[in-house]
Amino acid sequence: MPTLNQTNPNVQPLPTTEMKVAEILTTLRSERIKRGISQTDLADQIGMKQPQLARIERLVATPSLTTIERYAHGLGFEIGLSLVKGLKNK
C-alpha cells in the first residue's frame, strides 16, 4: 500500500521531533481513555481548559514541553529527555 506522500507528493513527512511529540500525545490520549478519565476531568486536574486539551489530543495545537509535562503528570507519567550527539558534529 502506498504511503500518503507517495500518493500526494505535496504532503511532507513530519520532522522526527514532531513525530515523537505526536506519538507521546497519542499514547497519553490512549491512556486517558483506557482509564475512563474525561477530557474535562483531566483538564481540571492539570489546570487546563477542556477545549485546549481537545486541540492537543487532536494534534491541532502544538503544546509546549511544560504543557506536555502537565498532561503526562496528570496521568502519572514523567517525560524523559536525553541529549544525543548529532551526526554532523562527530
PDB file of N, CA and C in Angstrom:
ATOM      1  N   MET A   1       0.849  -1.188   0.000  1.00  0.00           N
ATOM      2  CA  MET A   1       0.000   0.000   0.000  1.00  0.00           C
ATOM      3  C   MET A   1       0.887   1.241   0.000  1.00  0.00           C
ATOM      4  N   PRO A   2       0.647   2.187  -0.883  1.00  0.00           N
ATOM      5  CA  PRO A   2       1.479   3.388  -0.933  1.00  0.00           C
ATOM      6  C   PRO A   2       1.234   4.285   0.274  1.00  0.00           C
ATOM      7  N   THR A   3       2.287   5.004   0.673  1.00  0.00           N
ATOM      8  CA  THR A   3       2.152   5.960   1.760  1.00  0.00           C
ATOM      9  C   THR A   3       1.491   7.229   1.239  1.00  0.00           C
ATOM     10  N   LEU A   4       1.063   8.093   2.172  1.00  0.00           N
ATOM     11  CA  LEU A   4       0.385   9.329   1.783  1.00  0.00           C
ATOM     12  C   LEU A   4       1.280  10.205   0.920  1.00  0.00           C
ATOM     13  N   ASN A   5       2.572  10.315   1.280  1.00  0.00           N
ATOM     14  CA  ASN A   5       3.422  11.177   0.462  1.00  0.00           C
ATOM     15  C   ASN A   5       3.825  10.518  -0.853  1.00  0.00           C
ATOM     16  N   GLN A   6       3.564   9.221  -1.041  1.00  0.00           N
ATOM     17  CA  GLN A   6       3.756   8.605  -2.354  1.00  0.00           C
ATOM     18  C   GLN A   6       2.564   8.912  -3.258  1.00  0.00           C
ATOM     19  N   THR A   7       1.366   8.977  -2.673  1.00  0.00           N
ATOM     20  CA  THR A   7       0.173   9.255  -3.468  1.00  0.00           C
ATOM     21  C   THR A   7      -0.046  10.746  -3.668  1.00  0.00           C
ATOM     22  N   ASN A   8       0.468  11.570  -2.758  1.00  0.00           N
ATOM     23  CA  ASN A   8       0.331  13.022  -2.867  1.00  0.00           C
ATOM     24  C   ASN A   8       1.701  13.635  -2.597  1.00  0.00           C
ATOM     25  N   PRO A   9       2.439  13.984  -3.627  1.00  0.00           N
ATOM     26  CA  PRO A   9       3.800  14.495  -3.443  1.00  0.00           C
ATOM     27  C   PRO A   9       3.864  15.837  -2.701  1.00  0.00           C
ATOM     28  N   ASN A  10       2.732  16.506  -2.507  1.00  0.00           N
ATOM     29  CA  ASN A  10       2.718  17.771  -1.768  1.00  0.00           C
ATOM     30  C   ASN A  10       2.731  17.568  -0.265  1.00  0.00           C
ATOM     31  N   VAL A  11       2.483  16.347   0.194  1.00  0.00           N
ATOM     32  CA  VAL A  11       2.470  16.047   1.626  1.00  0.00           C
ATOM     33  C   VAL A  11       3.895  15.774   2.076  1.00  0.00           C
ATOM     34  N   GLN A  12       4.332  16.509   3.066  1.00  0.00           N
ATOM     35  CA  GLN A  12       5.682  16.341   3.597  1.00  0.00           C
ATOM     36  C   GLN A  12       5.623  15.529   4.900  1.00  0.00           C
ATOM     37  N   PRO A  13       6.589  14.618   5.100  1.00  0.00           N
ATOM     38  CA  PRO A  13       6.599  13.869   6.355  1.00  0.00           C
ATOM     39  C   PRO A  13       6.909  14.806   7.529  1.00  0.00           C
ATOM     40  N   LEU A  14       6.417  14.430   8.703  1.00  0.00           N
ATOM     41  CA  LEU A  14       6.706  15.223   9.895  1.00  0.00           C
ATOM     42  C   LEU A  14       8.178  15.090  10.260  1.00  0.00           C
ATOM     43  N   PRO A  15       8.787  16.172  10.710  1.00  0.00           N
ATOM     44  CA  PRO A  15      10.154  16.051  11.223  1.00  0.00           C
ATOM     45  C   PRO A  15      10.170  15.081  12.409  1.00  0.00           C
ATOM     46  N   THR A  16      11.313  14.478  12.660  1.00  0.00           N
ATOM     47  CA  THR A  16      11.438  13.458  13.698  1.00  0.00           C
ATOM     48  C   THR A  16      10.944  13.948  15.055  1.00  0.00           C
ATOM     49  N   THR A  17      11.312  15.140  15.457  1.00  0.00           N
ATOM     50  CA  THR A  17      10.904  15.655  16.764  1.00  0.00           C
ATOM     51  C   THR A  17       9.390  15.793  16.847  1.00  0.00           C
ATOM     52  N   GLU A  18       8.769  16.325  15.807  1.00  0.00           N
ATOM     53  CA  GLU A  18       7.314  16.478  15.810  1.00  0.00           C
ATOM     54  C   GLU A  18       6.625  15.120  15.822  1.00  0.00           C
ATOM     55  N   MET A  19       7.223  14.139  15.159  1.00  0.00           N
ATOM     56  CA  MET A  19       6.654  12.796  15.148  1.00  0.00           C
ATOM     57  C   MET A  19       6.713  12.185  16.546  1.00  0.00           C
ATOM     58  N   LYS A  20       7.802  12.402  17.251  1.00  0.00           N
ATOM     59  CA  LYS A  20       7.927  11.888  18.624  1.00  0.00           C
ATOM     60  C   LYS A  20       6.895  12.540  19.535  1.00  0.00           C
ATOM     61  N   VAL A  21       6.706  13.844  19.381  1.00  0.00           N
ATOM     62  CA  VAL A  21       5.699  14.547  20.187  1.00  0.00           C
ATOM     63  C   VAL A  21       4.315  13.987  19.875  1.00  0.00           C
ATOM     64  N   ALA A  22       4.015  13.770  18.612  1.00  0.00           N
ATOM     65  CA  ALA A  22       2.715  13.213  18.226  1.00  0.00           C
ATOM     66  C   ALA A  22       2.524  11.822  18.827  1.00  0.00           C
ATOM     67  N   GLU A  23       3.570  11.006  18.841  1.00  0.00           N
ATOM     68  CA  GLU A  23       3.492   9.670  19.438  1.00  0.00           C
ATOM     69  C   GLU A  23       3.224   9.746  20.938  1.00  0.00           C
ATOM     70  N   ILE A  24       3.911  10.664  21.621  1.00  0.00           N
ATOM     71  CA  ILE A  24       3.702  10.837  23.062  1.00  0.00           C
ATOM     72  C   ILE A  24       2.264  11.266  23.334  1.00  0.00           C
ATOM     73  N   LEU A  25       1.779  12.248  22.592  1.00  0.00           N
ATOM     74  CA  LEU A  25       0.419  12.737  22.798  1.00  0.00           C
ATOM     75  C   LEU A  25      -0.622  11.662  22.497  1.00  0.00           C
ATOM     76  N   THR A  26      -0.377  10.864  21.474  1.00  0.00           N
ATOM     77  CA  THR A  26      -1.293   9.774  21.139  1.00  0.00           C
ATOM     78  C   THR A  26      -1.315   8.731  22.253  1.00  0.00           C
ATOM     79  N   THR A  27      -0.148   8.436  22.802  1.00  0.00           N
ATOM     80  CA  THR A  27      -0.058   7.478  23.912  1.00  0.00           C
ATOM     81  C   THR A  27      -0.793   8.007  25.138  1.00  0.00           C
ATOM     82  N   LEU A  28      -0.604   9.285  25.447  1.00  0.00           N
ATOM     83  CA  LEU A  28      -1.277   9.875  26.611  1.00  0.00           C
ATOM     84  C   LEU A  28      -2.793   9.871  26.420  1.00  0.00           C
ATOM     85  N   ARG A  29      -3.241  10.206  25.233  1.00  0.00           N
ATOM     86  CA  ARG A  29      -4.686  10.187  24.949  1.00  0.00           C
ATOM     87  C   ARG A  29      -5.239   8.778  25.128  1.00  0.00           C
ATOM     88  N   SER A  30      -4.551   7.788  24.584  1.00  0.00           N
ATOM     89  CA  SER A  30      -4.992   6.394  24.719  1.00  0.00           C
ATOM     90  C   SER A  30      -5.063   5.975  26.181  1.00  0.00           C
ATOM     91  N   GLU A  31      -4.079   6.387  26.953  1.00  0.00           N
ATOM     92  CA  GLU A  31      -4.056   6.055  28.380  1.00  0.00           C
ATOM     93  C   GLU A  31      -5.212   6.724  29.117  1.00  0.00           C
ATOM     94  N   ARG A  32      -5.493   7.983  28.787  1.00  0.00           N
ATOM     95  CA  ARG A  32      -6.618   8.688  29.418  1.00  0.00           C
ATOM     96  C   ARG A  32      -7.921   7.956  29.141  1.00  0.00           C
ATOM     97  N   ILE A  33      -8.124   7.576  27.895  1.00  0.00           N
ATOM     98  CA  ILE A  33      -9.353   6.878  27.501  1.00  0.00           C
ATOM     99  C   ILE A  33      -9.426   5.515  28.178  1.00  0.00           C
ATOM    100  N   LYS A  34      -8.312   4.784  28.189  1.00  0.00           N
ATOM    101  CA  LYS A  34      -8.270   3.460  28.816  1.00  0.00           C
ATOM    102  C   LYS A  34      -8.664   3.535  30.293  1.00  0.00           C
ATOM    103  N   ARG A  35      -8.263   4.608  30.954  1.00  0.00           N
ATOM    104  CA  ARG A  35      -8.568   4.780  32.383  1.00  0.00           C
ATOM    105  C   ARG A  35      -9.972   5.347  32.621  1.00  0.00           C
ATOM    106  N   GLY A  36     -10.663   5.711  31.547  1.00  0.00           N
ATOM    107  CA  GLY A  36     -12.007   6.242  31.692  1.00  0.00           C
ATOM    108  C   GLY A  36     -12.060   7.650  32.250  1.00  0.00           C
ATOM    109  N   ILE A  37     -11.006   8.414  32.030  1.00  0.00           N
ATOM    110  CA  ILE A  37     -10.940   9.799  32.508  1.00  0.00           C
ATOM    111  C   ILE A  37     -11.406  10.716  31.378  1.00  0.00           C
ATOM    112  N   SER A  38     -12.344  11.588  31.681  1.00  0.00           N
ATOM    113  CA  SER A  38     -12.840  12.510  30.660  1.00  0.00           C
ATOM    114  C   SER A  38     -11.827  13.632  30.430  1.00  0.00           C
ATOM    115  N   GLN A  39     -11.926  14.255  29.278  1.00  0.00           N
ATOM    116  CA  GLN A  39     -11.080  15.420  28.995  1.00  0.00           C
ATOM    117  C   GLN A  39     -11.324  16.513  30.031  1.00  0.00           C
ATOM    118  N   THR A  40     -12.576  16.710  30.377  1.00  0.00           N
ATOM    119  CA  THR A  40     -12.920  17.753  31.340  1.00  0.00           C
ATOM    120  C   THR A  40     -12.281  17.491  32.696  1.00  0.00           C
ATOM    121  N   ASP A  41     -12.374  16.247  33.178  1.00  0.00           N
ATOM    122  CA  ASP A  41     -11.789  15.912  34.481  1.00  0.00           C
ATOM    123  C   ASP A  41     -10.272  16.076  34.476  1.00  0.00           C
ATOM    124  N   LEU A  42      -9.625  15.588  33.420  1.00  0.00           N
ATOM    125  CA  LEU A  42      -8.163  15.713  33.359  1.00  0.00           C
ATOM    126  C   LEU A  42      -7.760  17.177  33.217  1.00  0.00           C
ATOM    127  N   ALA A  43      -8.455  17.902  32.375  1.00  0.00           N
ATOM    128  CA  ALA A  43      -8.142  19.321  32.189  1.00  0.00           C
ATOM    129  C   ALA A  43      -8.266  20.074  33.514  1.00  0.00           C
ATOM    130  N   ASP A  44      -9.328  19.815  34.271  1.00  0.00           N
ATOM    131  CA  ASP A  44      -9.498  20.461  35.578  1.00  0.00           C
ATOM    132  C   ASP A  44      -8.342  20.102  36.516  1.00  0.00           C
ATOM    133  N   GLN A  45      -7.944  18.846  36.498  1.00  0.00           N
ATOM    134  CA  GLN A  45      -6.883  18.364  37.381  1.00  0.00           C
ATOM    135  C   GLN A  45      -5.537  19.031  37.082  1.00  0.00           C
ATOM    136  N   ILE A  46      -5.266  19.296  35.811  1.00  0.00           N
ATOM    137  CA  ILE A  46      -3.959  19.836  35.441  1.00  0.00           C
ATOM    138  C   ILE A  46      -3.985  21.338  35.153  1.00  0.00           C
ATOM    139  N   GLY A  47      -5.106  21.985  35.451  1.00  0.00           N
ATOM    140  CA  GLY A  47      -5.189  23.431  35.293  1.00  0.00           C
ATOM    141  C   GLY A  47      -5.240  23.891  33.845  1.00  0.00           C
ATOM    142  N   MET A  48      -6.021  23.185  33.062  1.00  0.00           N
ATOM    143  CA  MET A  48      -6.147  23.490  31.645  1.00  0.00           C
ATOM    144  C   MET A  48      -7.634  23.508  31.304  1.00  0.00           C
ATOM    145  N   LYS A  49      -7.992  24.189  30.261  1.00  0.00           N
ATOM    146  CA  LYS A  49      -9.386  24.175  29.814  1.00  0.00           C
ATOM    147  C   LYS A  49      -9.591  22.980  28.884  1.00  0.00           C
ATOM    148  N   GLN A  50     -10.785  22.393  28.929  1.00  0.00           N
ATOM    149  CA  GLN A  50     -11.084  21.206  28.120  1.00  0.00           C
ATOM    150  C   GLN A  50     -10.864  21.434  26.627  1.00  0.00           C
ATOM    151  N   PRO A  51     -11.280  22.590  26.061  1.00  0.00           N
ATOM    152  CA  PRO A  51     -11.030  22.785  24.629  1.00  0.00           C
ATOM    153  C   PRO A  51      -9.540  22.769  24.263  1.00  0.00           C
ATOM    154  N   GLN A  52      -8.695  23.281  25.159  1.00  0.00           N
ATOM    155  CA  GLN A  52      -7.252  23.254  24.911  1.00  0.00           C
ATOM    156  C   GLN A  52      -6.755  21.811  24.883  1.00  0.00           C
ATOM    157  N   LEU A  53      -7.200  21.000  25.840  1.00  0.00           N
ATOM    158  CA  LEU A  53      -6.803  19.592  25.869  1.00  0.00           C
ATOM    159  C   LEU A  53      -7.293  18.867  24.619  1.00  0.00           C
ATOM    160  N   ALA A  54      -8.501  19.175  24.184  1.00  0.00           N
ATOM    161  CA  ALA A  54      -9.054  18.550  22.979  1.00  0.00           C
ATOM    162  C   ALA A  54      -8.203  18.886  21.758  1.00  0.00           C
ATOM    163  N   ARG A  55      -7.781  20.148  21.622  1.00  0.00           N
ATOM    164  CA  ARG A  55      -6.942  20.550  20.480  1.00  0.00           C
ATOM    165  C   ARG A  55      -5.593  19.832  20.520  1.00  0.00           C
ATOM    166  N   ILE A  56      -5.042  19.678  21.717  1.00  0.00           N
ATOM    167  CA  ILE A  56      -3.766  18.969  21.865  1.00  0.00           C
ATOM    168  C   ILE A  56      -3.933  17.511  21.468  1.00  0.00           C
ATOM    169  N   GLU A  57      -4.998  16.876  21.939  1.00  0.00           N
ATOM    170  CA  GLU A  57      -5.220  15.462  21.631  1.00  0.00           C
ATOM    171  C   GLU A  57      -5.506  15.230  20.148  1.00  0.00           C
ATOM    172  N   ARG A  58      -6.116  16.189  19.491  1.00  0.00           N
ATOM    173  CA  ARG A  58      -6.385  16.065  18.046  1.00  0.00           C
ATOM    174  C   ARG A  58      -5.155  16.429  17.215  1.00  0.00           C
ATOM    175  N   LEU A  59      -4.077  16.818  17.900  1.00  0.00           N
ATOM    176  CA  LEU A  59      -2.823  17.222  17.261  1.00  0.00           C
ATOM    177  C   LEU A  59      -3.002  18.469  16.403  1.00  0.00           C
ATOM    178  N   VAL A  60      -3.950  19.323  16.800  1.00  0.00           N
ATOM    179  CA  VAL A  60      -4.190  20.589  16.110  1.00  0.00           C
ATOM    180  C   VAL A  60      -3.306  21.679  16.705  1.00  0.00           C
ATOM    181  N   ALA A  61      -3.132  21.645  18.021  1.00  0.00           N
ATOM    182  CA  ALA A  61      -2.287  22.610  18.710  1.00  0.00           C
ATOM    183  C   ALA A  61      -0.934  21.971  18.993  1.00  0.00           C
ATOM    184  N   THR A  62       0.102  22.773  18.985  1.00  0.00           N
ATOM    185  CA  THR A  62       1.443  22.301  19.330  1.00  0.00           C
ATOM    186  C   THR A  62       1.755  22.767  20.747  1.00  0.00           C
ATOM    187  N   PRO A  63       1.681  21.844  21.715  1.00  0.00           N
ATOM    188  CA  PRO A  63       1.892  22.244  23.102  1.00  0.00           C
ATOM    189  C   PRO A  63       3.370  22.443  23.421  1.00  0.00           C
ATOM    190  N   SER A  64       3.617  23.276  24.418  1.00  0.00           N
ATOM    191  CA  SER A  64       4.986  23.453  24.904  1.00  0.00           C
ATOM    192  C   SER A  64       5.391  22.209  25.700  1.00  0.00           C
ATOM    193  N   LEU A  65       6.668  22.085  25.963  1.00  0.00           N
ATOM    194  CA  LEU A  65       7.149  20.969  26.777  1.00  0.00           C
ATOM    195  C   LEU A  65       6.516  21.012  28.164  1.00  0.00           C
ATOM    196  N   THR A  66       6.365  22.194  28.722  1.00  0.00           N
ATOM    197  CA  THR A  66       5.733  22.347  30.032  1.00  0.00           C
ATOM    198  C   THR A  66       4.303  21.817  30.005  1.00  0.00           C
ATOM    199  N   THR A  67       3.559  22.103  28.953  1.00  0.00           N
ATOM    200  CA  THR A  67       2.180  21.625  28.832  1.00  0.00           C
ATOM    201  C   THR A  67       2.140  20.107  28.681  1.00  0.00           C
ATOM    202  N   ILE A  68       3.058  19.548  27.894  1.00  0.00           N
ATOM    203  CA  ILE A  68       3.117  18.091  27.751  1.00  0.00           C
ATOM    204  C   ILE A  68       3.432  17.450  29.097  1.00  0.00           C
ATOM    205  N   GLU A  69       4.326  18.060  29.862  1.00  0.00           N
ATOM    206  CA  GLU A  69       4.658  17.544  31.198  1.00  0.00           C
ATOM    207  C   GLU A  69       3.444  17.572  32.117  1.00  0.00           C
ATOM    208  N   ARG A  70       2.676  18.659  32.088  1.00  0.00           N
ATOM    209  CA  ARG A  70       1.462  18.739  32.911  1.00  0.00           C
ATOM    210  C   ARG A  70       0.496  17.621  32.545  1.00  0.00           C
ATOM    211  N   TYR A  71       0.310  17.403  31.261  1.00  0.00           N
ATOM    212  CA  TYR A  71      -0.573  16.358  30.752  1.00  0.00           C
ATOM    213  C   TYR A  71      -0.075  14.995  31.240  1.00  0.00           C
ATOM    214  N   ALA A  72       1.206  14.731  31.045  1.00  0.00           N
ATOM    215  CA  ALA A  72       1.786  13.448  31.454  1.00  0.00           C
ATOM    216  C   ALA A  72       1.677  13.248  32.963  1.00  0.00           C
ATOM    217  N   HIS A  73       2.012  14.266  33.733  1.00  0.00           N
ATOM    218  CA  HIS A  73       1.942  14.165  35.204  1.00  0.00           C
ATOM    219  C   HIS A  73       0.519  13.891  35.674  1.00  0.00           C
ATOM    220  N   GLY A  74      -0.450  14.469  34.978  1.00  0.00           N
ATOM    221  CA  GLY A  74      -1.847  14.239  35.344  1.00  0.00           C
ATOM    222  C   GLY A  74      -2.258  12.786  35.213  1.00  0.00           C
ATOM    223  N   LEU A  75      -1.528  12.040  34.396  1.00  0.00           N
ATOM    224  CA  LEU A  75      -1.802  10.609  34.217  1.00  0.00           C
ATOM    225  C   LEU A  75      -0.751   9.741  34.905  1.00  0.00           C
ATOM    226  N   GLY A  76       0.137  10.382  35.681  1.00  0.00           N
ATOM    227  CA  GLY A  76       1.139   9.629  36.431  1.00  0.00           C
ATOM    228  C   GLY A  76       2.390   9.271  35.648  1.00  0.00           C
ATOM    229  N   PHE A  77       2.646   9.968  34.559  1.00  0.00           N
ATOM    230  CA  PHE A  77       3.839   9.717  33.752  1.00  0.00           C
ATOM    231  C   PHE A  77       4.851  10.840  33.935  1.00  0.00           C
ATOM    232  N   GLU A  78       6.095  10.535  33.668  1.00  0.00           N
ATOM    233  CA  GLU A  78       7.178  11.516  33.619  1.00  0.00           C
ATOM    234  C   GLU A  78       7.657  11.602  32.177  1.00  0.00           C
ATOM    235  N   ILE A  79       8.081  12.770  31.762  1.00  0.00           N
ATOM    236  CA  ILE A  79       8.671  12.954  30.447  1.00  0.00           C
ATOM    237  C   ILE A  79      10.182  12.870  30.616  1.00  0.00           C
ATOM    238  N   GLY A  80      10.823  12.032  29.827  1.00  0.00           N
ATOM    239  CA  GLY A  80      12.275  11.904  29.891  1.00  0.00           C
ATOM    240  C   GLY A  80      12.900  12.476  28.627  1.00  0.00           C
ATOM    241  N   LEU A  81      13.915  13.284  28.805  1.00  0.00           N
ATOM    242  CA  LEU A  81      14.650  13.850  27.674  1.00  0.00           C
ATOM    243  C   LEU A  81      16.069  13.318  27.710  1.00  0.00           C
ATOM    244  N   SER A  82      16.667  13.218  26.558  1.00  0.00           N
ATOM    245  CA  SER A  82      18.068  12.807  26.518  1.00  0.00           C
ATOM    246  C   SER A  82      18.801  13.659  25.490  1.00  0.00           C
ATOM    247  N   LEU A  83      20.060  13.818  25.717  1.00  0.00           N
ATOM    248  CA  LEU A  83      20.899  14.586  24.812  1.00  0.00           C
ATOM    249  C   LEU A  83      21.763  13.591  24.048  1.00  0.00           C
ATOM    250  N   VAL A  84      21.656  13.636  22.727  1.00  0.00           N
ATOM    251  CA  VAL A  84      22.410  12.728  21.874  1.00  0.00           C
ATOM    252  C   VAL A  84      23.247  13.556  20.921  1.00  0.00           C
ATOM    253  N   LYS A  85      24.521  13.236  20.838  1.00  0.00           N
ATOM    254  CA  LYS A  85      25.402  13.979  19.941  1.00  0.00           C
ATOM    255  C   LYS A  85      24.926  13.793  18.503  1.00  0.00           C
ATOM    256  N   GLY A  86      24.794  14.888  17.795  1.00  0.00           N
ATOM    257  CA  GLY A  86      24.307  14.847  16.418  1.00  0.00           C
ATOM    258  C   GLY A  86      25.300  14.201  15.467  1.00  0.00           C
ATOM    259  N   LEU A  87      24.784  13.702  14.381  1.00  0.00           N
ATOM    260  CA  LEU A  87      25.616  13.050  13.376  1.00  0.00           C
ATOM    261  C   LEU A  87      26.591  14.020  12.714  1.00  0.00           C
ATOM    262  N   LYS A  88      26.194  15.280  12.595  1.00  0.00           N
ATOM    263  CA  LYS A  88      27.026  16.273  11.905  1.00  0.00           C
ATOM    264  C   LYS A  88      28.215  16.709  12.756  1.00  0.00           C
ATOM    265  N   ASN A  89      28.136  16.513  14.066  1.00  0.00           N
ATOM    266  CA  ASN A  89      29.176  17.014  14.976  1.00  0.00           C
ATOM    267  C   ASN A  89      30.005  15.881  15.582  1.00  0.00           C
ATOM    268  N   LYS A  90      30.396  14.925  14.793  1.00  0.00           N
ATOM    269  CA  LYS A  90      31.167  13.777  15.310  1.00  0.00           C
ATOM    270  C   LYS A  90      32.517  14.201  15.814  1.00  0.00           C
TER     271      LYS A  90
END
